[in-house]
PDB file of N, CA and C in Angstrom:
ATOM      1  N   MET A   1       0.812  -1.211   0.000  1.00  0.00           N
ATOM      2  CA  MET A   1       0.000   0.000   0.000  1.00  0.00           C
ATOM      3  C   MET A   1       0.846   1.261   0.000  1.00  0.00           C
ATOM      4  N   ASN A   2       2.147   1.095   0.285  1.00  0.00           N
ATOM      5  CA  ASN A   2       3.025   2.250   0.290  1.00  0.00           C
ATOM      6  C   ASN A   2       3.152   2.850  -1.108  1.00  0.00           C
ATOM      7  N   TRP A   3       3.144   1.985  -2.136  1.00  0.00           N
ATOM      8  CA  TRP A   3       3.258   2.483  -3.500  1.00  0.00           C
ATOM      9  C   TRP A   3       2.044   3.329  -3.883  1.00  0.00           C
ATOM     10  N   LEU A   4       0.868   2.968  -3.321  1.00  0.00           N
ATOM     11  CA  LEU A   4      -0.340   3.726  -3.630  1.00  0.00           C
ATOM     12  C   LEU A   4      -0.275   5.124  -3.042  1.00  0.00           C
ATOM     13  N   SER A   5       0.184   5.237  -1.805  1.00  0.00           N
ATOM     14  CA  SER A   5       0.304   6.573  -1.203  1.00  0.00           C
ATOM     15  C   SER A   5       1.383   7.381  -1.907  1.00  0.00           C
ATOM     16  N   ASP A   6       2.478   6.717  -2.343  1.00  0.00           N
ATOM     17  CA  ASP A   6       3.504   7.422  -3.116  1.00  0.00           C
ATOM     18  C   ASP A   6       2.933   7.919  -4.440  1.00  0.00           C
ATOM     19  N   PHE A   7       2.162   7.073  -5.111  1.00  0.00           N
ATOM     20  CA  PHE A   7       1.571   7.471  -6.385  1.00  0.00           C
ATOM     21  C   PHE A   7       0.570   8.605  -6.205  1.00  0.00           C
ATOM     22  N   LEU A   8      -0.238   8.537  -5.152  1.00  0.00           N
ATOM     23  CA  LEU A   8      -1.198   9.620  -4.913  1.00  0.00           C
ATOM     24  C   LEU A   8      -0.488  10.936  -4.630  1.00  0.00           C
ATOM     25  N   GLY A   9       0.635  10.860  -3.923  1.00  0.00           N
ATOM     26  CA  GLY A   9       1.431  12.068  -3.698  1.00  0.00           C
ATOM     27  C   GLY A   9       1.983  12.629  -4.997  1.00  0.00           C
ATOM     28  N   THR A  10       2.466  11.738  -5.860  1.00  0.00           N
ATOM     29  CA  THR A  10       2.975  12.173  -7.164  1.00  0.00           C
ATOM     30  C   THR A  10       1.850  12.736  -8.022  1.00  0.00           C
ATOM     31  N   LEU A  11       0.686  12.094  -7.988  1.00  0.00           N
ATOM     32  CA  LEU A  11      -0.464  12.588  -8.749  1.00  0.00           C
ATOM     33  C   LEU A  11      -0.906  13.955  -8.253  1.00  0.00           C
ATOM     34  N   THR A  12      -0.920  14.141  -6.947  1.00  0.00           N
ATOM     35  CA  THR A  12      -1.305  15.428  -6.383  1.00  0.00           C
ATOM     36  C   THR A  12      -0.336  16.534  -6.801  1.00  0.00           C
ATOM     37  N   SER A  13       0.957  16.244  -6.737  1.00  0.00           N
ATOM     38  CA  SER A  13       1.926  17.259  -7.143  1.00  0.00           C
ATOM     39  C   SER A  13       1.850  17.526  -8.643  1.00  0.00           C
ATOM     40  N   THR A  14       1.538  16.498  -9.430  1.00  0.00           N
ATOM     41  CA  THR A  14       1.375  16.693 -10.871  1.00  0.00           C
ATOM     42  C   THR A  14       0.180  17.586 -11.159  1.00  0.00           C
ATOM     43  N   ILE A  15      -0.911  17.362 -10.448  1.00  0.00           N
ATOM     44  CA  ILE A  15      -2.113  18.178 -10.649  1.00  0.00           C
ATOM     45  C   ILE A  15      -1.832  19.632 -10.282  1.00  0.00           C
ATOM     46  N   THR A  16      -1.157  19.846  -9.146  1.00  0.00           N
ATOM     47  CA  THR A  16      -0.864  21.232  -8.738  1.00  0.00           C
ATOM     48  C   THR A  16       0.126  21.907  -9.685  1.00  0.00           C
ATOM     49  N   ASP A  17       0.965  21.128 -10.355  1.00  0.00           N
ATOM     50  CA  ASP A  17       1.891  21.718 -11.322  1.00  0.00           C
ATOM     51  C   ASP A  17       1.225  22.032 -12.653  1.00  0.00           C
ATOM     52  N   VAL A  18       0.310  21.171 -13.087  1.00  0.00           N
ATOM     53  CA  VAL A  18      -0.286  21.306 -14.416  1.00  0.00           C
ATOM     54  C   VAL A  18      -1.548  22.171 -14.395  1.00  0.00           C
ATOM     55  N   LEU A  19      -2.223  22.251 -13.280  1.00  0.00           N
ATOM     56  CA  LEU A  19      -3.480  22.994 -13.206  1.00  0.00           C
ATOM     57  C   LEU A  19      -3.348  24.474 -13.599  1.00  0.00           C
ATOM     58  N   PRO A  20      -2.312  25.204 -13.173  1.00  0.00           N
ATOM     59  CA  PRO A  20      -2.202  26.598 -13.629  1.00  0.00           C
ATOM     60  C   PRO A  20      -2.040  26.721 -15.146  1.00  0.00           C
ATOM     61  N   ILE A  21      -1.341  25.785 -15.762  1.00  0.00           N
ATOM     62  CA  ILE A  21      -1.185  25.824 -17.216  1.00  0.00           C
ATOM     63  C   ILE A  21      -2.530  25.610 -17.895  1.00  0.00           C
ATOM     64  N   ALA A  22      -3.300  24.649 -17.396  1.00  0.00           N
ATOM     65  CA  ALA A  22      -4.624  24.385 -17.967  1.00  0.00           C
ATOM     66  C   ALA A  22      -5.551  25.577 -17.747  1.00  0.00           C
ATOM     67  N   ALA A  23      -5.454  26.207 -16.584  1.00  0.00           N
ATOM     68  CA  ALA A  23      -6.292  27.378 -16.310  1.00  0.00           C
ATOM     69  C   ALA A  23      -5.974  28.513 -17.276  1.00  0.00           C
ATOM     70  N   ILE A  24      -4.704  28.703 -17.578  1.00  0.00           N
ATOM     71  CA  ILE A  24      -4.324  29.750 -18.534  1.00  0.00           C
ATOM     72  C   ILE A  24      -4.853  29.411 -19.928  1.00  0.00           C
ATOM     73  N   LEU A  25      -4.709  28.149 -20.333  1.00  0.00           N
ATOM     74  CA  LEU A  25      -5.194  27.768 -21.662  1.00  0.00           C
ATOM     75  C   LEU A  25      -6.707  27.915 -21.790  1.00  0.00           C
ATOM     76  N   PHE A  26      -7.436  27.394 -20.790  1.00  0.00           N
ATOM     77  CA  PHE A  26      -8.892  27.520 -20.832  1.00  0.00           C
ATOM     78  C   PHE A  26      -9.325  28.978 -20.681  1.00  0.00           C
ATOM     79  N   GLY A  27      -8.647  29.742 -19.829  1.00  0.00           N
ATOM     80  CA  GLY A  27      -8.971  31.160 -19.661  1.00  0.00           C
ATOM     81  C   GLY A  27      -8.744  31.941 -20.938  1.00  0.00           C
ATOM     82  N   PHE A  28      -7.646  31.659 -21.627  1.00  0.00           N
ATOM     83  CA  PHE A  28      -7.372  32.329 -22.895  1.00  0.00           C
ATOM     84  C   PHE A  28      -8.439  31.982 -23.922  1.00  0.00           C
ATOM     85  N   GLN A  29      -8.810  30.715 -23.963  1.00  0.00           N
ATOM     86  CA  GLN A  29      -9.838  30.275 -24.913  1.00  0.00           C
ATOM     87  C   GLN A  29     -11.173  30.971 -24.641  1.00  0.00           C
ATOM     88  N   LEU A  30     -11.552  31.057 -23.362  1.00  0.00           N
ATOM     89  CA  LEU A  30     -12.870  31.596 -23.024  1.00  0.00           C
ATOM     90  C   LEU A  30     -12.917  33.111 -22.982  1.00  0.00           C
ATOM     91  N   PHE A  31     -11.876  33.740 -22.435  1.00  0.00           N
ATOM     92  CA  PHE A  31     -11.962  35.179 -22.188  1.00  0.00           C
ATOM     93  C   PHE A  31     -11.260  36.039 -23.234  1.00  0.00           C
ATOM     94  N   VAL A  32     -10.264  35.526 -23.893  1.00  0.00           N
ATOM     95  CA  VAL A  32      -9.572  36.312 -24.914  1.00  0.00           C
ATOM     96  C   VAL A  32     -10.138  35.986 -26.292  1.00  0.00           C
ATOM     97  N   LEU A  33     -10.189  34.725 -26.628  1.00  0.00           N
ATOM     98  CA  LEU A  33     -10.742  34.335 -27.926  1.00  0.00           C
ATOM     99  C   LEU A  33     -12.261  34.351 -27.936  1.00  0.00           C
ATOM    100  N   ARG A  34     -12.864  34.273 -26.756  1.00  0.00           N
ATOM    101  CA  ARG A  34     -14.324  34.283 -26.583  1.00  0.00           C
ATOM    102  C   ARG A  34     -15.005  33.174 -27.384  1.00  0.00           C
ATOM    103  N   LYS A  35     -14.435  32.002 -27.299  1.00  0.00           N
ATOM    104  CA  LYS A  35     -15.017  30.842 -27.972  1.00  0.00           C
ATOM    105  C   LYS A  35     -15.156  29.716 -26.970  1.00  0.00           C
ATOM    106  N   ARG A  36     -16.193  28.917 -27.159  1.00  0.00           N
ATOM    107  CA  ARG A  36     -16.375  27.737 -26.322  1.00  0.00           C
ATOM    108  C   ARG A  36     -15.328  26.692 -26.688  1.00  0.00           C
ATOM    109  N   VAL A  37     -15.052  25.835 -25.747  1.00  0.00           N
ATOM    110  CA  VAL A  37     -14.149  24.722 -26.004  1.00  0.00           C
ATOM    111  C   VAL A  37     -14.955  23.630 -26.687  1.00  0.00           C
ATOM    112  N   ASN A  38     -14.610  23.323 -27.923  1.00  0.00           N
ATOM    113  CA  ASN A  38     -15.319  22.286 -28.658  1.00  0.00           C
ATOM    114  C   ASN A  38     -15.033  20.929 -28.044  1.00  0.00           C
ATOM    115  N   HIS A  39     -16.048  20.115 -27.958  1.00  0.00           N
ATOM    116  CA  HIS A  39     -15.920  18.754 -27.421  1.00  0.00           C
ATOM    117  C   HIS A  39     -15.280  18.784 -26.034  1.00  0.00           C
ATOM    118  N   LEU A  40     -15.887  19.552 -25.146  1.00  0.00           N
ATOM    119  CA  LEU A  40     -15.323  19.750 -23.805  1.00  0.00           C
ATOM    120  C   LEU A  40     -15.135  18.427 -23.061  1.00  0.00           C
ATOM    121  N   GLY A  41     -16.048  17.506 -23.215  1.00  0.00           N
ATOM    122  CA  GLY A  41     -15.928  16.207 -22.542  1.00  0.00           C
ATOM    123  C   GLY A  41     -14.686  15.455 -22.987  1.00  0.00           C
ATOM    124  N   GLN A  42     -14.447  15.441 -24.286  1.00  0.00           N
ATOM    125  CA  GLN A  42     -13.271  14.760 -24.811  1.00  0.00           C
ATOM    126  C   GLN A  42     -11.983  15.462 -24.363  1.00  0.00           C
ATOM    127  N   VAL A  43     -12.012  16.774 -24.326  1.00  0.00           N
ATOM    128  CA  VAL A  43     -10.836  17.529 -23.886  1.00  0.00           C
ATOM    129  C   VAL A  43     -10.539  17.230 -22.421  1.00  0.00           C
ATOM    130  N   LEU A  44     -11.562  17.178 -21.592  1.00  0.00           N
ATOM    131  CA  LEU A  44     -11.362  16.891 -20.173  1.00  0.00           C
ATOM    132  C   LEU A  44     -10.871  15.459 -19.936  1.00  0.00           C
ATOM    133  N   VAL A  45     -11.409  14.503 -20.703  1.00  0.00           N
ATOM    134  CA  VAL A  45     -10.930  13.126 -20.589  1.00  0.00           C
ATOM    135  C   VAL A  45      -9.468  13.053 -21.029  1.00  0.00           C
ATOM    136  N   GLY A  46      -9.128  13.716 -22.109  1.00  0.00           N
ATOM    137  CA  GLY A  46      -7.744  13.754 -22.563  1.00  0.00           C
ATOM    138  C   GLY A  46      -6.829  14.404 -21.539  1.00  0.00           C
ATOM    139  N   PHE A  47      -7.305  15.481 -20.918  1.00  0.00           N
ATOM    140  CA  PHE A  47      -6.532  16.153 -19.877  1.00  0.00           C
ATOM    141  C   PHE A  47      -6.306  15.220 -18.691  1.00  0.00           C
ATOM    142  N   LEU A  48      -7.331  14.475 -18.309  1.00  0.00           N
ATOM    143  CA  LEU A  48      -7.206  13.515 -17.212  1.00  0.00           C
ATOM    144  C   LEU A  48      -6.203  12.411 -17.558  1.00  0.00           C
ATOM    145  N   LEU A  49      -6.250  11.926 -18.793  1.00  0.00           N
ATOM    146  CA  LEU A  49      -5.296  10.894 -19.218  1.00  0.00           C
ATOM    147  C   LEU A  49      -3.867  11.423 -19.244  1.00  0.00           C
ATOM    148  N   VAL A  50      -3.689  12.682 -19.632  1.00  0.00           N
ATOM    149  CA  VAL A  50      -2.362  13.299 -19.608  1.00  0.00           C
ATOM    150  C   VAL A  50      -1.851  13.384 -18.176  1.00  0.00           C
ATOM    151  N   LEU A  51      -2.711  13.778 -17.247  1.00  0.00           N
ATOM    152  CA  LEU A  51      -2.306  13.860 -15.845  1.00  0.00           C
ATOM    153  C   LEU A  51      -1.900  12.493 -15.295  1.00  0.00           C
ATOM    154  N   LEU A  52      -2.693  11.470 -15.601  1.00  0.00           N
ATOM    155  CA  LEU A  52      -2.364  10.119 -15.139  1.00  0.00           C
ATOM    156  C   LEU A  52      -1.066   9.606 -15.768  1.00  0.00           C
ATOM    157  N   GLY A  53      -0.901   9.844 -17.067  1.00  0.00           N
ATOM    158  CA  GLY A  53       0.315   9.399 -17.741  1.00  0.00           C
ATOM    159  C   GLY A  53       1.550  10.093 -17.207  1.00  0.00           C
ATOM    160  N   LEU A  54       1.446  11.378 -16.966  1.00  0.00           N
ATOM    161  CA  LEU A  54       2.575  12.119 -16.411  1.00  0.00           C
ATOM    162  C   LEU A  54       2.895  11.664 -14.996  1.00  0.00           C
ATOM    163  N   ALA A  55       1.869  11.382 -14.208  1.00  0.00           N
ATOM    164  CA  ALA A  55       2.094  10.903 -12.838  1.00  0.00           C
ATOM    165  C   ALA A  55       2.760   9.529 -12.844  1.00  0.00           C
ATOM    166  N   PHE A  56       2.307   8.619 -13.730  1.00  0.00           N
ATOM    167  CA  PHE A  56       2.954   7.306 -13.832  1.00  0.00           C
ATOM    168  C   PHE A  56       4.404   7.441 -14.292  1.00  0.00           C
ATOM    169  N   PHE A  57       4.645   8.332 -15.239  1.00  0.00           N
ATOM    170  CA  PHE A  57       6.004   8.553 -15.730  1.00  0.00           C
ATOM    171  C   PHE A  57       6.911   9.062 -14.610  1.00  0.00           C
ATOM    172  N   LEU A  58       6.450  10.055 -13.858  1.00  0.00           N
ATOM    173  CA  LEU A  58       7.252  10.594 -12.760  1.00  0.00           C
ATOM    174  C   LEU A  58       7.462   9.569 -11.659  1.00  0.00           C
ATOM    175  N   GLN A  59       6.442   8.777 -11.371  1.00  0.00           N
ATOM    176  CA  GLN A  59       6.585   7.721 -10.363  1.00  0.00           C
ATOM    177  C   GLN A  59       7.617   6.690 -10.807  1.00  0.00           C
ATOM    178  N   GLY A  60       7.607   6.356 -12.075  1.00  0.00           N
ATOM    179  CA  GLY A  60       8.597   5.428 -12.599  1.00  0.00           C
ATOM    180  C   GLY A  60      10.008   5.981 -12.503  1.00  0.00           C
ATOM    181  N   LEU A  61      10.153   7.278 -12.772  1.00  0.00           N
ATOM    182  CA  LEU A  61      11.469   7.903 -12.615  1.00  0.00           C
ATOM    183  C   LEU A  61      11.944   7.841 -11.172  1.00  0.00           C
ATOM    184  N   GLU A  62      11.047   8.165 -10.251  1.00  0.00           N
ATOM    185  CA  GLU A  62      11.421   8.195  -8.835  1.00  0.00           C
ATOM    186  C   GLU A  62      11.720   6.798  -8.299  1.00  0.00           C
ATOM    187  N   GLU A  63      11.035   5.784  -8.809  1.00  0.00           N
ATOM    188  CA  GLU A  63      11.224   4.430  -8.295  1.00  0.00           C
ATOM    189  C   GLU A  63      12.400   3.702  -8.942  1.00  0.00           C
ATOM    190  N   ALA A  64      12.685   3.994 -10.201  1.00  0.00           N
ATOM    191  CA  ALA A  64      13.694   3.200 -10.904  1.00  0.00           C
ATOM    192  C   ALA A  64      14.923   4.000 -11.307  1.00  0.00           C
ATOM    193  N   LEU A  65      14.726   5.093 -11.999  1.00  0.00           N
ATOM    194  CA  LEU A  65      15.861   5.780 -12.597  1.00  0.00           C
ATOM    195  C   LEU A  65      16.663   6.608 -11.599  1.00  0.00           C
ATOM    196  N   PHE A  66      16.009   7.338 -10.704  1.00  0.00           N
ATOM    197  CA  PHE A  66      16.736   8.173  -9.748  1.00  0.00           C
ATOM    198  C   PHE A  66      17.583   7.349  -8.782  1.00  0.00           C
ATOM    199  N   PRO A  67      17.065   6.257  -8.208  1.00  0.00           N
ATOM    200  CA  PRO A  67      17.936   5.434  -7.357  1.00  0.00           C
ATOM    201  C   PRO A  67      19.111   4.827  -8.123  1.00  0.00           C
ATOM    202  N   LEU A  68      18.875   4.454  -9.375  1.00  0.00           N
ATOM    203  CA  LEU A  68      19.952   3.915 -10.194  1.00  0.00           C
ATOM    204  C   LEU A  68      21.028   4.970 -10.415  1.00  0.00           C
ATOM    205  N   GLY A  69      20.631   6.197 -10.680  1.00  0.00           N
ATOM    206  CA  GLY A  69      21.584   7.292 -10.866  1.00  0.00           C
ATOM    207  C   GLY A  69      22.379   7.583  -9.600  1.00  0.00           C
ATOM    208  N   LYS A  70      21.704   7.558  -8.452  1.00  0.00           N
ATOM    209  CA  LYS A  70      22.408   7.783  -7.182  1.00  0.00           C
ATOM    210  C   LYS A  70      23.417   6.676  -6.912  1.00  0.00           C
ATOM    211  N   LEU A  71      23.015   5.434  -7.176  1.00  0.00           N
ATOM    212  CA  LEU A  71      23.915   4.304  -6.965  1.00  0.00           C
ATOM    213  C   LEU A  71      25.123   4.382  -7.902  1.00  0.00           C
ATOM    214  N   MET A  72      24.870   4.731  -9.147  1.00  0.00           N
ATOM    215  CA  MET A  72      25.947   4.847 -10.112  1.00  0.00           C
ATOM    216  C   MET A  72      26.917   5.966  -9.728  1.00  0.00           C
ATOM    217  N   ALA A  73      26.385   7.098  -9.294  1.00  0.00           N
ATOM    218  CA  ALA A  73      27.240   8.212  -8.888  1.00  0.00           C
ATOM    219  C   ALA A  73      28.075   7.845  -7.671  1.00  0.00           C
ATOM    220  N   ALA A  74      27.477   7.135  -6.719  1.00  0.00           N
ATOM    221  CA  ALA A  74      28.233   6.725  -5.524  1.00  0.00           C
ATOM    222  C   ALA A  74      29.336   5.745  -5.895  1.00  0.00           C
ATOM    223  N   GLN A  75      29.044   4.836  -6.805  1.00  0.00           N
ATOM    224  CA  GLN A  75      30.060   3.856  -7.198  1.00  0.00           C
ATOM    225  C   GLN A  75      31.169   4.489  -8.027  1.00  0.00           C
ATOM    226  N   LEU A  76      30.804   5.398  -8.925  1.00  0.00           N
ATOM    227  CA  LEU A  76      31.814   6.010  -9.786  1.00  0.00           C
ATOM    228  C   LEU A  76      32.744   6.956  -9.039  1.00  0.00           C
ATOM    229  N   THR A  77      32.298   7.511  -7.934  1.00  0.00           N
ATOM    230  CA  THR A  77      33.127   8.461  -7.191  1.00  0.00           C
ATOM    231  C   THR A  77      33.727   7.858  -5.928  1.00  0.00           C
ATOM    232  N   ALA A  78      33.541   6.582  -5.711  1.00  0.00           N
ATOM    233  CA  ALA A  78      34.115   5.927  -4.530  1.00  0.00           C
ATOM    234  C   ALA A  78      35.637   5.871  -4.666  1.00  0.00           C
ATOM    235  N   PRO A  79      36.361   6.238  -3.608  1.00  0.00           N
ATOM    236  CA  PRO A  79      37.838   6.195  -3.685  1.00  0.00           C
ATOM    237  C   PRO A  79      38.374   4.806  -4.017  1.00  0.00           C
ATOM    238  N   GLU A  80      37.691   3.765  -3.554  1.00  0.00           N
ATOM    239  CA  GLU A  80      38.138   2.411  -3.863  1.00  0.00           C
ATOM    240  C   GLU A  80      38.064   2.129  -5.361  1.00  0.00           C
ATOM    241  N   PHE A  81      37.031   2.634  -6.002  1.00  0.00           N
ATOM    242  CA  PHE A  81      36.862   2.428  -7.437  1.00  0.00           C
ATOM    243  C   PHE A  81      37.906   3.216  -8.230  1.00  0.00           C
ATOM    244  N   LEU A  82      38.236   4.402  -7.723  1.00  0.00           N
ATOM    245  CA  LEU A  82      39.217   5.241  -8.402  1.00  0.00           C
ATOM    246  C   LEU A  82      40.648   4.769  -8.173  1.00  0.00           C
ATOM    247  N   GLY A  83      40.831   3.861  -7.224  1.00  0.00           N
ATOM    248  CA  GLY A  83      42.151   3.337  -6.960  1.00  0.00           C
ATOM    249  C   GLY A  83      43.043   4.283  -6.182  1.00  0.00           C
ATOM    250  N   ILE A  84      42.445   5.098  -5.339  1.00  0.00           N
ATOM    251  CA  ILE A  84      43.213   6.049  -4.536  1.00  0.00           C
ATOM    252  C   ILE A  84      42.922   5.799  -3.068  1.00  0.00           C
ATOM    253  N   SER A  85      43.863   6.152  -2.246  1.00  0.00           N
ATOM    254  CA  SER A  85      43.664   5.980  -0.809  1.00  0.00           C
ATOM    255  C   SER A  85      44.072   7.280  -0.114  1.00  0.00           C
ATOM    256  N   GLN A  86      43.146   8.227  -0.141  1.00  0.00           N
ATOM    257  CA  GLN A  86      43.379   9.507   0.502  1.00  0.00           C
ATOM    258  C   GLN A  86      42.212   9.813   1.416  1.00  0.00           C
ATOM    259  N   THR A  87      42.404  10.787   2.290  1.00  0.00           N
ATOM    260  CA  THR A  87      41.323  11.196   3.177  1.00  0.00           C
ATOM    261  C   THR A  87      40.316  12.026   2.398  1.00  0.00           C
ATOM    262  N   ALA A  88      39.175  12.255   3.018  1.00  0.00           N
ATOM    263  CA  ALA A  88      38.110  13.006   2.348  1.00  0.00           C
ATOM    264  C   ALA A  88      38.540  14.436   2.047  1.00  0.00           C
ATOM    265  N   ASP A  89      39.309  15.062   2.930  1.00  0.00           N
ATOM    266  CA  ASP A  89      39.766  16.429   2.684  1.00  0.00           C
ATOM    267  C   ASP A  89      40.710  16.491   1.495  1.00  0.00           C
ATOM    268  N   GLU A  90      41.610  15.520   1.389  1.00  0.00           N
ATOM    269  CA  GLU A  90      42.529  15.492   0.263  1.00  0.00           C
ATOM    270  C   GLU A  90      41.793  15.229  -1.050  1.00  0.00           C
ATOM    271  N   LEU A  91      40.750  14.398  -0.997  1.00  0.00           N
ATOM    272  CA  LEU A  91      39.977  14.108  -2.202  1.00  0.00           C
ATOM    273  C   LEU A  91      39.194  15.330  -2.673  1.00  0.00           C
ATOM    274  N   SER A  92      38.616  16.079  -1.742  1.00  0.00           N
ATOM    275  CA  SER A  92      37.819  17.232  -2.131  1.00  0.00           C
ATOM    276  C   SER A  92      38.686  18.337  -2.719  1.00  0.00           C
ATOM    277  N   ASN A  93      39.967  18.383  -2.360  1.00  0.00           N
ATOM    278  CA  ASN A  93      40.863  19.398  -2.893  1.00  0.00           C
ATOM    279  C   ASN A  93      41.551  18.951  -4.174  1.00  0.00           C
ATOM    280  N   ASN A  94      41.404  17.725  -4.571  1.00  0.00           N
ATOM    281  CA  ASN A  94      42.080  17.201  -5.740  1.00  0.00           C
ATOM    282  C   ASN A  94      41.048  16.698  -6.747  1.00  0.00           C
ATOM    283  N   TRP A  95      40.548  17.574  -7.589  1.00  0.00           N
ATOM    284  CA  TRP A  95      39.478  17.231  -8.518  1.00  0.00           C
ATOM    285  C   TRP A  95      39.972  16.383  -9.684  1.00  0.00           C
ATOM    286  N   GLN A  96      41.283  16.302  -9.897  1.00  0.00           N
ATOM    287  CA  GLN A  96      41.797  15.534 -11.024  1.00  0.00           C
ATOM    288  C   GLN A  96      41.463  14.043 -10.899  1.00  0.00           C
ATOM    289  N   HIS A  97      41.257  13.572  -9.680  1.00  0.00           N
ATOM    290  CA  HIS A  97      40.879  12.168  -9.510  1.00  0.00           C
ATOM    291  C   HIS A  97      39.534  11.874 -10.177  1.00  0.00           C
ATOM    292  N   TYR A  98      38.716  12.896 -10.288  1.00  0.00           N
ATOM    293  CA  TYR A  98      37.369  12.728 -10.828  1.00  0.00           C
ATOM    294  C   TYR A  98      37.248  13.229 -12.261  1.00  0.00           C
ATOM    295  N   LEU A  99      38.346  13.488 -12.927  1.00  0.00           N
ATOM    296  CA  LEU A  99      38.315  14.037 -14.282  1.00  0.00           C
ATOM    297  C   LEU A  99      37.528  13.137 -15.229  1.00  0.00           C
ATOM    298  N   TRP A 100      37.744  11.835 -15.159  1.00  0.00           N
ATOM    299  CA  TRP A 100      37.032  10.942 -16.073  1.00  0.00           C
ATOM    300  C   TRP A 100      35.540  10.902 -15.772  1.00  0.00           C
ATOM    301  N   VAL A 101      35.152  11.143 -14.502  1.00  0.00           N
ATOM    302  CA  VAL A 101      33.729  11.210 -14.160  1.00  0.00           C
ATOM    303  C   VAL A 101      33.112  12.455 -14.794  1.00  0.00           C
ATOM    304  N   TYR A 102      33.857  13.586 -14.747  1.00  0.00           N
ATOM    305  CA  TYR A 102      33.380  14.810 -15.390  1.00  0.00           C
ATOM    306  C   TYR A 102      33.259  14.623 -16.898  1.00  0.00           C
ATOM    307  N   LEU A 103      34.226  13.941 -17.497  1.00  0.00           N
ATOM    308  CA  LEU A 103      34.166  13.693 -18.931  1.00  0.00           C
ATOM    309  C   LEU A 103      32.991  12.781 -19.285  1.00  0.00           C
ATOM    310  N   PHE A 104      32.734  11.781 -18.458  1.00  0.00           N
ATOM    311  CA  PHE A 104      31.586  10.893 -18.674  1.00  0.00           C
ATOM    312  C   PHE A 104      30.278  11.681 -18.578  1.00  0.00           C
ATOM    313  N   ALA A 105      30.162  12.532 -17.551  1.00  0.00           N
ATOM    314  CA  ALA A 105      28.951  13.340 -17.397  1.00  0.00           C
ATOM    315  C   ALA A 105      28.784  14.301 -18.567  1.00  0.00           C
ATOM    316  N   PHE A 106      29.891  14.878 -19.040  1.00  0.00           N
ATOM    317  CA  PHE A 106      29.836  15.762 -20.200  1.00  0.00           C
ATOM    318  C   PHE A 106      29.356  15.012 -21.434  1.00  0.00           C
ATOM    319  N   ALA A 107      29.882  13.799 -21.636  1.00  0.00           N
ATOM    320  CA  ALA A 107      29.491  13.016 -22.803  1.00  0.00           C
ATOM    321  C   ALA A 107      28.011  12.639 -22.753  1.00  0.00           C
ATOM    322  N   ILE A 108      27.532  12.263 -21.576  1.00  0.00           N
ATOM    323  CA  ILE A 108      26.109  11.932 -21.434  1.00  0.00           C
ATOM    324  C   ILE A 108      25.245  13.175 -21.702  1.00  0.00           C
ATOM    325  N   GLY A 109      25.625  14.304 -21.126  1.00  0.00           N
ATOM    326  CA  GLY A 109      24.869  15.541 -21.342  1.00  0.00           C
ATOM    327  C   GLY A 109      24.881  15.990 -22.786  1.00  0.00           C
ATOM    328  N   LEU A 110      26.043  15.890 -23.427  1.00  0.00           N
ATOM    329  CA  LEU A 110      26.151  16.285 -24.834  1.00  0.00           C
ATOM    330  C   LEU A 110      25.313  15.380 -25.723  1.00  0.00           C
ATOM    331  N   SER A 111      25.391  14.064 -25.508  1.00  0.00           N
ATOM    332  CA  SER A 111      24.615  13.156 -26.344  1.00  0.00           C
ATOM    333  C   SER A 111      23.120  13.334 -26.129  1.00  0.00           C
ATOM    334  N   THR A 112      22.714  13.644 -24.897  1.00  0.00           N
ATOM    335  CA  THR A 112      21.300  13.901 -24.630  1.00  0.00           C
ATOM    336  C   THR A 112      20.845  15.173 -25.339  1.00  0.00           C
ATOM    337  N   THR A 113      21.686  16.198 -25.310  1.00  0.00           N
ATOM    338  CA  THR A 113      21.343  17.457 -25.969  1.00  0.00           C
ATOM    339  C   THR A 113      21.242  17.282 -27.479  1.00  0.00           C
ATOM    340  N   ILE A 114      22.152  16.530 -28.059  1.00  0.00           N
ATOM    341  CA  ILE A 114      22.127  16.307 -29.501  1.00  0.00           C
ATOM    342  C   ILE A 114      20.932  15.450 -29.900  1.00  0.00           C
ATOM    343  N   ALA A 115      20.590  14.465 -29.076  1.00  0.00           N
ATOM    344  CA  ALA A 115      19.493  13.548 -29.413  1.00  0.00           C
ATOM    345  C   ALA A 115      18.125  14.192 -29.232  1.00  0.00           C
ATOM    346  N   GLU A 116      18.043  15.265 -28.478  1.00  0.00           N
ATOM    347  CA  GLU A 116      16.752  15.900 -28.180  1.00  0.00           C
ATOM    348  C   GLU A 116      16.532  17.078 -29.129  1.00  0.00           C
ATOM    349  N   PRO A 117      15.798  16.869 -30.206  1.00  0.00           N
ATOM    350  CA  PRO A 117      15.595  17.970 -31.160  1.00  0.00           C
ATOM    351  C   PRO A 117      14.636  19.013 -30.634  1.00  0.00           C
TER     352      PRO A 117
END
């Protein structure tokens, strides 16, 4: 039942995030263009499906992708993985140990930017 309360929390935050955008769109349609929304029932059902789909997508990110990213970041920056044996203060002052991590992050960011038209 914990997943249900997590999903309801995600759905609630999705609704509060998307509702102002919908209010602006409907307000513009009604008060600026002064036209009724054609097929209002279908538009509302579509809006509800968009909210549910976005909530499921965000829940999936929070349950699967974000923990994977945190685990990967912890493993990639672990001193044992880097093959160094220094204290935390020495590591924080020596960024060259993490140069390949920065290059990896740059490559991921660049490829994402290029792939997203």
